[in-house]
């Protein structure tokens, strides 16, 4: 049976990558350092002493203001961010719908990016090839599947990324907000696929600011604040805790 166990987990990551997101920015920073001292960039303490266990059958809502650590927590469970301290144990296949466009290569075609994205998700090349026709049909972007990604509209990129991300289910499903992906017809198709993924999953963790979705889909709620877990209990009480906190810091 699937489960997640976190014990005294801390996570630090460098803010250096946030300061310069391009080669041009990095070069300009190096030139600037020759003229004056550069401002010291500190590491970010994103998760602080997180201890929790989530077992099979649980539907968990994750609440917190922007920057509270919700996405970081999901990425840690997905194996993208290893803990700096403490222990994290995840048993069961993980399907994470987080930053779904991650892994796309702009100069490669849609078909080539299906392979790249599938490999990033941990699939074997043969497994990706077996799913390719289904992914192409679901994305429904026509002849653009054989064009470079850089020629796509943002909506087309999201549709293809979503189609790849939901091609395989997992025992543990991580959702960062309910995904919006294109026109009304595709949105309905996307929502139906997400519903099926949720039904097939043993564990659901949904990070969202939509209280209606959280209370309709989840029974347990976690509230994060500045990287700390400040509440773990019934979802209705979690919403109340977050709402009170939001009023306090607004």
C-alpha atoms as a PDB file:
ATOM      1  CA  UNK A   1       0.000   0.000   0.000  1.00  0.00           C
ATOM      2  CA  UNK A   2       1.187   3.495  -0.836  1.00  0.00           C
ATOM      3  CA  UNK A   3       2.277   5.914   1.872  1.00  0.00           C
ATOM      4  CA  UNK A   4       4.353   9.032   2.466  1.00  0.00           C
ATOM      5  CA  UNK A   5       6.372   9.556   5.630  1.00  0.00           C
ATOM      6  CA  UNK A   6       8.308  12.738   6.393  1.00  0.00           C
ATOM      7  CA  UNK A   7      10.299  13.035   9.612  1.00  0.00           C
ATOM      8  CA  UNK A   8      11.872  16.348  10.643  1.00  0.00           C
ATOM      9  CA  UNK A   9      12.409  17.333   7.006  1.00  0.00           C
ATOM     10  CA  UNK A  10      14.275  20.545   6.269  1.00  0.00           C
ATOM     11  CA  UNK A  11      14.940  21.781   2.770  1.00  0.00           C
ATOM     12  CA  UNK A  12      17.339  24.522   1.722  1.00  0.00           C
ATOM     13  CA  UNK A  13      18.025  25.598  -1.814  1.00  0.00           C
ATOM     14  CA  UNK A  14      20.269  28.243  -3.264  1.00  0.00           C
ATOM     15  CA  UNK A  15      18.784  31.564  -4.293  1.00  0.00           C
ATOM     16  CA  UNK A  16      21.662  32.076  -6.721  1.00  0.00           C
ATOM     17  CA  UNK A  17      19.694  30.532  -9.575  1.00  0.00           C
ATOM     18  CA  UNK A  18      16.822  32.916  -8.880  1.00  0.00           C
ATOM     19  CA  UNK A  19      19.076  35.940  -9.176  1.00  0.00           C
ATOM     20  CA  UNK A  20      20.222  35.257 -12.752  1.00  0.00           C
ATOM     21  CA  UNK A  21      17.998  33.182 -14.981  1.00  0.00           C
ATOM     22  CA  UNK A  22      19.971  33.825 -18.184  1.00  0.00           C
ATOM     23  CA  UNK A  23      23.533  33.746 -19.482  1.00  0.00           C
ATOM     24  CA  UNK A  24      23.242  37.457 -20.214  1.00  0.00           C
ATOM     25  CA  UNK A  25      22.209  38.182 -16.623  1.00  0.00           C
ATOM     26  CA  UNK A  26      25.059  36.091 -15.254  1.00  0.00           C
ATOM     27  CA  UNK A  27      27.593  37.845 -17.512  1.00  0.00           C
ATOM     28  CA  UNK A  28      26.379  41.283 -16.459  1.00  0.00           C
ATOM     29  CA  UNK A  29      26.614  40.247 -12.821  1.00  0.00           C
ATOM     30  CA  UNK A  30      30.218  39.134 -13.294  1.00  0.00           C
ATOM     31  CA  UNK A  31      31.080  42.511 -14.862  1.00  0.00           C
ATOM     32  CA  UNK A  32      29.363  44.333 -12.035  1.00  0.00           C
ATOM     33  CA  UNK A  33      31.395  42.429  -9.457  1.00  0.00           C
ATOM     34  CA  UNK A  34      34.534  43.947 -10.972  1.00  0.00           C
ATOM     35  CA  UNK A  35      33.261  47.416 -10.086  1.00  0.00           C
ATOM     36  CA  UNK A  36      31.601  46.936  -6.710  1.00  0.00           C
ATOM     37  CA  UNK A  37      30.887  44.194  -4.167  1.00  0.00           C
ATOM     38  CA  UNK A  38      27.973  41.960  -5.121  1.00  0.00           C
ATOM     39  CA  UNK A  39      25.053  41.692  -2.702  1.00  0.00           C
ATOM     40  CA  UNK A  40      25.233  38.476  -0.737  1.00  0.00           C
ATOM     41  CA  UNK A  41      22.622  35.949  -1.833  1.00  0.00           C
ATOM     42  CA  UNK A  42      21.365  33.698   0.935  1.00  0.00           C
ATOM     43  CA  UNK A  43      20.001  30.201   0.704  1.00  0.00           C
ATOM     44  CA  UNK A  44      16.253  29.831   1.073  1.00  0.00           C
ATOM     45  CA  UNK A  45      14.984  27.702   3.963  1.00  0.00           C
ATOM     46  CA  UNK A  46      11.928  26.431   2.092  1.00  0.00           C
ATOM     47  CA  UNK A  47      10.723  23.646   4.437  1.00  0.00           C
ATOM     48  CA  UNK A  48      11.265  23.657   8.178  1.00  0.00           C
ATOM     49  CA  UNK A  49      11.063  20.560  10.370  1.00  0.00           C
ATOM     50  CA  UNK A  50       8.135  18.942   8.530  1.00  0.00           C
ATOM     51  CA  UNK A  51       6.845  15.732  10.118  1.00  0.00           C
ATOM     52  CA  UNK A  52       3.771  13.959   8.753  1.00  0.00           C
ATOM     53  CA  UNK A  53       2.473  10.659   7.440  1.00  0.00           C
ATOM     54  CA  UNK A  54      -0.090  10.191   4.674  1.00  0.00           C
ATOM     55  CA  UNK A  55      -1.505   6.737   4.093  1.00  0.00           C
ATOM     56  CA  UNK A  56      -3.447   4.932   1.381  1.00  0.00           C
ATOM     57  CA  UNK A  57      -6.999   6.170   0.918  1.00  0.00           C
ATOM     58  CA  UNK A  58      -6.297   9.719   2.067  1.00  0.00           C
ATOM     59  CA  UNK A  59      -7.322  12.814   0.136  1.00  0.00           C
ATOM     60  CA  UNK A  60      -5.286  15.752   1.438  1.00  0.00           C
ATOM     61  CA  UNK A  61      -5.664  19.465   0.726  1.00  0.00           C
ATOM     62  CA  UNK A  62      -2.600  21.696   0.953  1.00  0.00           C
ATOM     63  CA  UNK A  63      -3.128  25.353   1.843  1.00  0.00           C
ATOM     64  CA  UNK A  64      -0.839  28.340   2.267  1.00  0.00           C
ATOM     65  CA  UNK A  65      -0.163  31.744   0.792  1.00  0.00           C
ATOM     66  CA  UNK A  66       2.195  32.111  -2.164  1.00  0.00           C
ATOM     67  CA  UNK A  67       5.705  31.281  -0.998  1.00  0.00           C
ATOM     68  CA  UNK A  68       4.520  29.235   1.986  1.00  0.00           C
ATOM     69  CA  UNK A  69       6.169  26.071   0.647  1.00  0.00           C
ATOM     70  CA  UNK A  70       3.280  24.199  -0.993  1.00  0.00           C
ATOM     71  CA  UNK A  71       4.950  23.584  -4.354  1.00  0.00           C
ATOM     72  CA  UNK A  72       8.259  22.821  -2.647  1.00  0.00           C
ATOM     73  CA  UNK A  73       6.590  20.175  -0.489  1.00  0.00           C
ATOM     74  CA  UNK A  74       4.994  18.556  -3.549  1.00  0.00           C
ATOM     75  CA  UNK A  75       8.300  18.615  -5.437  1.00  0.00           C
ATOM     76  CA  UNK A  76      10.047  16.996  -2.487  1.00  0.00           C
ATOM     77  CA  UNK A  77       7.520  14.166  -2.426  1.00  0.00           C
ATOM     78  CA  UNK A  78       7.921  13.834  -6.205  1.00  0.00           C
ATOM     79  CA  UNK A  79      11.674  13.416  -5.753  1.00  0.00           C
ATOM     80  CA  UNK A  80      12.644  16.686  -7.459  1.00  0.00           C
ATOM     81  CA  UNK A  81      13.997  18.325  -4.287  1.00  0.00           C
ATOM     82  CA  UNK A  82      15.869  15.991  -1.902  1.00  0.00           C
ATOM     83  CA  UNK A  83      15.664  16.990   1.791  1.00  0.00           C
ATOM     84  CA  UNK A  84      18.609  18.851   3.280  1.00  0.00           C
ATOM     85  CA  UNK A  85      17.939  17.171   6.630  1.00  0.00           C
ATOM     86  CA  UNK A  86      15.527  14.622   8.085  1.00  0.00           C
ATOM     87  CA  UNK A  87      14.059  11.644   6.254  1.00  0.00           C
ATOM     88  CA  UNK A  88      11.498  11.258   3.468  1.00  0.00           C
ATOM     89  CA  UNK A  89      10.044   7.879   2.521  1.00  0.00           C
ATOM     90  CA  UNK A  90       7.656   7.514  -0.412  1.00  0.00           C
ATOM     91  CA  UNK A  91       6.188   4.109  -1.255  1.00  0.00           C
ATOM     92  CA  UNK A  92       4.178   3.882  -4.466  1.00  0.00           C
ATOM     93  CA  UNK A  93       4.383   5.308  -7.966  1.00  0.00           C
ATOM     94  CA  UNK A  94       4.106   9.095  -8.036  1.00  0.00           C
ATOM     95  CA  UNK A  95       2.324  11.080 -10.737  1.00  0.00           C
ATOM     96  CA  UNK A  96       2.958  14.802 -10.260  1.00  0.00           C
ATOM     97  CA  UNK A  97       1.090  17.480 -12.207  1.00  0.00           C
ATOM     98  CA  UNK A  98       3.452  20.268 -11.173  1.00  0.00           C
ATOM     99  CA  UNK A  99       4.912  22.777 -13.648  1.00  0.00           C
ATOM    100  CA  UNK A 100       3.795  20.481 -16.439  1.00  0.00           C
ATOM    101  CA  UNK A 101       5.760  22.297 -19.169  1.00  0.00           C
ATOM    102  CA  UNK A 102       9.052  21.459 -17.446  1.00  0.00           C
ATOM    103  CA  UNK A 103      11.355  19.493 -19.733  1.00  0.00           C
ATOM    104  CA  UNK A 104      10.273  20.878 -23.104  1.00  0.00           C
ATOM    105  CA  UNK A 105      13.014  21.680 -25.618  1.00  0.00           C
ATOM    106  CA  UNK A 106      11.947  24.651 -27.813  1.00  0.00           C
ATOM    107  CA  UNK A 107      13.895  23.577 -30.918  1.00  0.00           C
ATOM    108  CA  UNK A 108      12.634  19.980 -30.837  1.00  0.00           C
ATOM    109  CA  UNK A 109       9.320  18.820 -32.310  1.00  0.00           C
ATOM    110  CA  UNK A 110       6.257  17.886 -30.326  1.00  0.00           C
ATOM    111  CA  UNK A 111       6.939  14.186 -30.874  1.00  0.00           C
ATOM    112  CA  UNK A 112      10.538  14.546 -29.723  1.00  0.00           C
ATOM    113  CA  UNK A 113       9.378  16.426 -26.651  1.00  0.00           C
ATOM    114  CA  UNK A 114       6.946  13.647 -25.799  1.00  0.00           C
ATOM    115  CA  UNK A 115       9.984  11.405 -25.504  1.00  0.00           C
ATOM    116  CA  UNK A 116      11.991  13.943 -23.489  1.00  0.00           C
ATOM    117  CA  UNK A 117       9.106  14.604 -21.112  1.00  0.00           C
ATOM    118  CA  UNK A 118       8.371  10.900 -20.719  1.00  0.00           C
ATOM    119  CA  UNK A 119      11.993  10.171 -19.831  1.00  0.00           C
ATOM    120  CA  UNK A 120      11.897  13.008 -17.304  1.00  0.00           C
ATOM    121  CA  UNK A 121       8.863  11.321 -15.748  1.00  0.00           C
ATOM    122  CA  UNK A 122      10.858   8.102 -15.344  1.00  0.00           C
ATOM    123  CA  UNK A 123       9.384   6.138 -18.252  1.00  0.00           C
ATOM    124  CA  UNK A 124      11.458   3.901 -20.523  1.00  0.00           C
ATOM    125  CA  UNK A 125      11.751   4.853 -24.227  1.00  0.00           C
ATOM    126  CA  UNK A 126       9.674   1.806 -25.202  1.00  0.00           C
ATOM    127  CA  UNK A 127       6.949   2.844 -22.732  1.00  0.00           C
ATOM    128  CA  UNK A 128       6.853   6.366 -24.167  1.00  0.00           C
ATOM    129  CA  UNK A 129       6.608   5.038 -27.728  1.00  0.00           C
ATOM    130  CA  UNK A 130       3.718   2.780 -26.721  1.00  0.00           C
ATOM    131  CA  UNK A 131       1.847   5.806 -25.345  1.00  0.00           C
ATOM    132  CA  UNK A 132       2.704   8.236 -28.157  1.00  0.00           C
ATOM    133  CA  UNK A 133      -0.421   7.777 -30.301  1.00  0.00           C
ATOM    134  CA  UNK A 134      -2.698   8.209 -27.284  1.00  0.00           C
ATOM    135  CA  UNK A 135      -0.822  11.342 -26.190  1.00  0.00           C
ATOM    136  CA  UNK A 136      -0.956  12.866 -29.682  1.00  0.00           C
ATOM    137  CA  UNK A 137      -4.687  12.175 -29.970  1.00  0.00           C
ATOM    138  CA  UNK A 138      -5.411  13.646 -26.531  1.00  0.00           C
ATOM    139  CA  UNK A 139      -3.396  16.824 -27.174  1.00  0.00           C
ATOM    140  CA  UNK A 140      -5.231  17.283 -30.508  1.00  0.00           C
ATOM    141  CA  UNK A 141      -2.873  19.900 -31.973  1.00  0.00           C
ATOM    142  CA  UNK A 142      -2.932  18.511 -35.518  1.00  0.00           C
ATOM    143  CA  UNK A 143       0.117  18.801 -37.764  1.00  0.00           C
ATOM    144  CA  UNK A 144       1.907  20.943 -35.180  1.00  0.00           C
ATOM    145  CA  UNK A 145       2.940  17.730 -33.408  1.00  0.00           C
ATOM    146  CA  UNK A 146       5.760  17.543 -35.988  1.00  0.00           C
ATOM    147  CA  UNK A 147       6.730  21.220 -35.659  1.00  0.00           C
ATOM    148  CA  UNK A 148       9.255  22.672 -33.159  1.00  0.00           C
ATOM    149  CA  UNK A 149       7.763  23.619 -29.796  1.00  0.00           C
ATOM    150  CA  UNK A 150       8.919  27.236 -30.281  1.00  0.00           C
ATOM    151  CA  UNK A 151       6.264  27.605 -32.994  1.00  0.00           C
ATOM    152  CA  UNK A 152       3.452  26.644 -30.576  1.00  0.00           C
ATOM    153  CA  UNK A 153       1.086  29.021 -28.853  1.00  0.00           C
ATOM    154  CA  UNK A 154       1.161  28.880 -25.045  1.00  0.00           C
ATOM    155  CA  UNK A 155      -2.162  27.003 -25.105  1.00  0.00           C
ATOM    156  CA  UNK A 156      -0.802  24.351 -27.459  1.00  0.00           C
ATOM    157  CA  UNK A 157       2.234  23.837 -25.227  1.00  0.00           C
ATOM    158  CA  UNK A 158       0.023  23.376 -22.170  1.00  0.00           C
ATOM    159  CA  UNK A 159      -2.201  20.910 -24.024  1.00  0.00           C
ATOM    160  CA  UNK A 160       0.725  18.748 -25.100  1.00  0.00           C
ATOM    161  CA  UNK A 161       2.377  18.946 -21.678  1.00  0.00           C
ATOM    162  CA  UNK A 162      -0.888  17.983 -19.988  1.00  0.00           C
ATOM    163  CA  UNK A 163      -1.445  15.083 -22.383  1.00  0.00           C
ATOM    164  CA  UNK A 164       1.989  13.667 -21.568  1.00  0.00           C
ATOM    165  CA  UNK A 165       1.622  14.239 -17.827  1.00  0.00           C
ATOM    166  CA  UNK A 166      -1.685  12.367 -17.539  1.00  0.00           C
ATOM    167  CA  UNK A 167      -0.807   9.473 -19.856  1.00  0.00           C
ATOM    168  CA  UNK A 168       0.131   7.231 -16.923  1.00  0.00           C
ATOM    169  CA  UNK A 169      -1.567   7.004 -13.530  1.00  0.00           C
ATOM    170  CA  UNK A 170       0.184   6.464 -10.209  1.00  0.00           C
ATOM    171  CA  UNK A 171      -0.668   5.363  -6.691  1.00  0.00           C
ATOM    172  CA  UNK A 172       0.229   8.845  -5.425  1.00  0.00           C
ATOM    173  CA  UNK A 173      -1.229  11.837  -7.301  1.00  0.00           C
ATOM    174  CA  UNK A 174       0.151  15.336  -6.665  1.00  0.00           C
ATOM    175  CA  UNK A 175      -1.797  18.294  -8.079  1.00  0.00           C
ATOM    176  CA  UNK A 176      -0.695  21.930  -7.914  1.00  0.00           C
ATOM    177  CA  UNK A 177      -3.987  23.738  -8.557  1.00  0.00           C
ATOM    178  CA  UNK A 178      -6.674  22.440 -10.904  1.00  0.00           C
ATOM    179  CA  UNK A 179      -5.138  22.733 -14.343  1.00  0.00           C
ATOM    180  CA  UNK A 180      -6.575  25.061 -16.986  1.00  0.00           C
ATOM    181  CA  UNK A 181      -5.612  23.853 -20.437  1.00  0.00           C
ATOM    182  CA  UNK A 182      -7.093  25.535 -23.469  1.00  0.00           C
ATOM    183  CA  UNK A 183     -10.601  25.857 -24.877  1.00  0.00           C
ATOM    184  CA  UNK A 184     -13.813  24.681 -23.232  1.00  0.00           C
ATOM    185  CA  UNK A 185     -13.864  21.341 -25.043  1.00  0.00           C
ATOM    186  CA  UNK A 186     -10.321  20.488 -24.052  1.00  0.00           C
ATOM    187  CA  UNK A 187     -10.894  21.757 -20.499  1.00  0.00           C
ATOM    188  CA  UNK A 188     -13.775  19.318 -20.050  1.00  0.00           C
ATOM    189  CA  UNK A 189     -11.653  16.479 -21.424  1.00  0.00           C
ATOM    190  CA  UNK A 190      -8.795  17.484 -19.109  1.00  0.00           C
ATOM    191  CA  UNK A 191     -11.053  17.603 -16.047  1.00  0.00           C
ATOM    192  CA  UNK A 192     -12.447  14.156 -16.859  1.00  0.00           C
ATOM    193  CA  UNK A 193      -8.915  12.728 -17.137  1.00  0.00           C
ATOM    194  CA  UNK A 194      -7.967  14.284 -13.795  1.00  0.00           C
ATOM    195  CA  UNK A 195     -11.076  12.774 -12.209  1.00  0.00           C
ATOM    196  CA  UNK A 196     -10.044   9.339 -13.470  1.00  0.00           C
ATOM    197  CA  UNK A 197      -6.504   9.808 -12.145  1.00  0.00           C
ATOM    198  CA  UNK A 198      -7.924  10.755  -8.754  1.00  0.00           C
ATOM    199  CA  UNK A 199     -10.206   7.696  -8.719  1.00  0.00           C
ATOM    200  CA  UNK A 200      -7.266   5.404  -9.557  1.00  0.00           C
ATOM    201  CA  UNK A 201      -4.895   6.937  -7.021  1.00  0.00           C
ATOM    202  CA  UNK A 202      -4.448   5.657  -3.477  1.00  0.00           C
ATOM    203  CA  UNK A 203      -3.258   9.061  -2.218  1.00  0.00           C
ATOM    204  CA  UNK A 204      -4.203  12.535  -3.471  1.00  0.00           C
ATOM    205  CA  UNK A 205      -2.485  15.750  -2.396  1.00  0.00           C
ATOM    206  CA  UNK A 206      -4.073  18.864  -3.886  1.00  0.00           C
ATOM    207  CA  UNK A 207      -2.495  22.303  -3.412  1.00  0.00           C
ATOM    208  CA  UNK A 208      -5.066  24.974  -4.137  1.00  0.00           C
ATOM    209  CA  UNK A 209      -6.603  28.297  -3.122  1.00  0.00           C
ATOM    210  CA  UNK A 210     -10.028  27.073  -4.245  1.00  0.00           C
ATOM    211  CA  UNK A 211     -11.804  26.225  -0.998  1.00  0.00           C
ATOM    212  CA  UNK A 212     -14.777  24.659  -2.813  1.00  0.00           C
ATOM    213  CA  UNK A 213     -12.564  22.172  -4.661  1.00  0.00           C
ATOM    214  CA  UNK A 214     -10.560  21.400  -1.536  1.00  0.00           C
ATOM    215  CA  UNK A 215     -13.618  20.722   0.622  1.00  0.00           C
ATOM    216  CA  UNK A 216     -15.358  18.658  -2.054  1.00  0.00           C
ATOM    217  CA  UNK A 217     -12.327  16.489  -2.845  1.00  0.00           C
ATOM    218  CA  UNK A 218     -10.380  16.252   0.422  1.00  0.00           C
ATOM    219  CA  UNK A 219     -11.036  15.156   3.990  1.00  0.00           C
ATOM    220  CA  UNK A 220      -7.708  16.197   5.560  1.00  0.00           C
ATOM    221  CA  UNK A 221      -6.000  19.578   5.332  1.00  0.00           C
ATOM    222  CA  UNK A 222      -2.433  20.783   5.829  1.00  0.00           C
ATOM    223  CA  UNK A 223      -1.636  24.471   6.284  1.00  0.00           C
ATOM    224  CA  UNK A 224       1.874  25.739   5.569  1.00  0.00           C
ATOM    225  CA  UNK A 225       3.245  29.114   6.633  1.00  0.00           C
ATOM    226  CA  UNK A 226       6.782  30.236   5.842  1.00  0.00           C
ATOM    227  CA  UNK A 227       7.847  26.640   5.296  1.00  0.00           C
ATOM    228  CA  UNK A 228       6.357  25.332   8.547  1.00  0.00           C
ATOM    229  CA  UNK A 229       3.414  22.977   8.983  1.00  0.00           C
ATOM    230  CA  UNK A 230       1.127  24.911  11.323  1.00  0.00           C
ATOM    231  CA  UNK A 231      -2.038  22.782  11.019  1.00  0.00           C
ATOM    232  CA  UNK A 232      -2.860  19.165  10.208  1.00  0.00           C
ATOM    233  CA  UNK A 233      -6.468  18.075  10.610  1.00  0.00           C
ATOM    234  CA  UNK A 234      -9.972  18.096   9.076  1.00  0.00           C
ATOM    235  CA  UNK A 235     -10.175  20.074   5.834  1.00  0.00           C
ATOM    236  CA  UNK A 236     -12.897  22.426   7.101  1.00  0.00           C
ATOM    237  CA  UNK A 237     -10.726  23.409  10.070  1.00  0.00           C
ATOM    238  CA  UNK A 238      -7.723  23.760   7.766  1.00  0.00           C
ATOM    239  CA  UNK A 239      -9.659  26.246   5.616  1.00  0.00           C
ATOM    240  CA  UNK A 240     -10.648  28.197   8.740  1.00  0.00           C
ATOM    241  CA  UNK A 241      -7.036  28.235   9.950  1.00  0.00           C
ATOM    242  CA  UNK A 242      -5.744  29.450   6.598  1.00  0.00           C
ATOM    243  CA  UNK A 243      -8.487  32.096   6.318  1.00  0.00           C
ATOM    244  CA  UNK A 244      -7.679  33.447   9.777  1.00  0.00           C
ATOM    245  CA  UNK A 245      -3.983  33.515   8.939  1.00  0.00           C
ATOM    246  CA  UNK A 246      -4.678  35.270   5.630  1.00  0.00           C
ATOM    247  CA  UNK A 247      -6.669  37.992   7.421  1.00  0.00           C
ATOM    248  CA  UNK A 248      -3.874  38.419   9.947  1.00  0.00           C
ATOM    249  CA  UNK A 249      -1.078  38.916   7.412  1.00  0.00           C
ATOM    250  CA  UNK A 250      -3.086  40.874   4.817  1.00  0.00           C
END
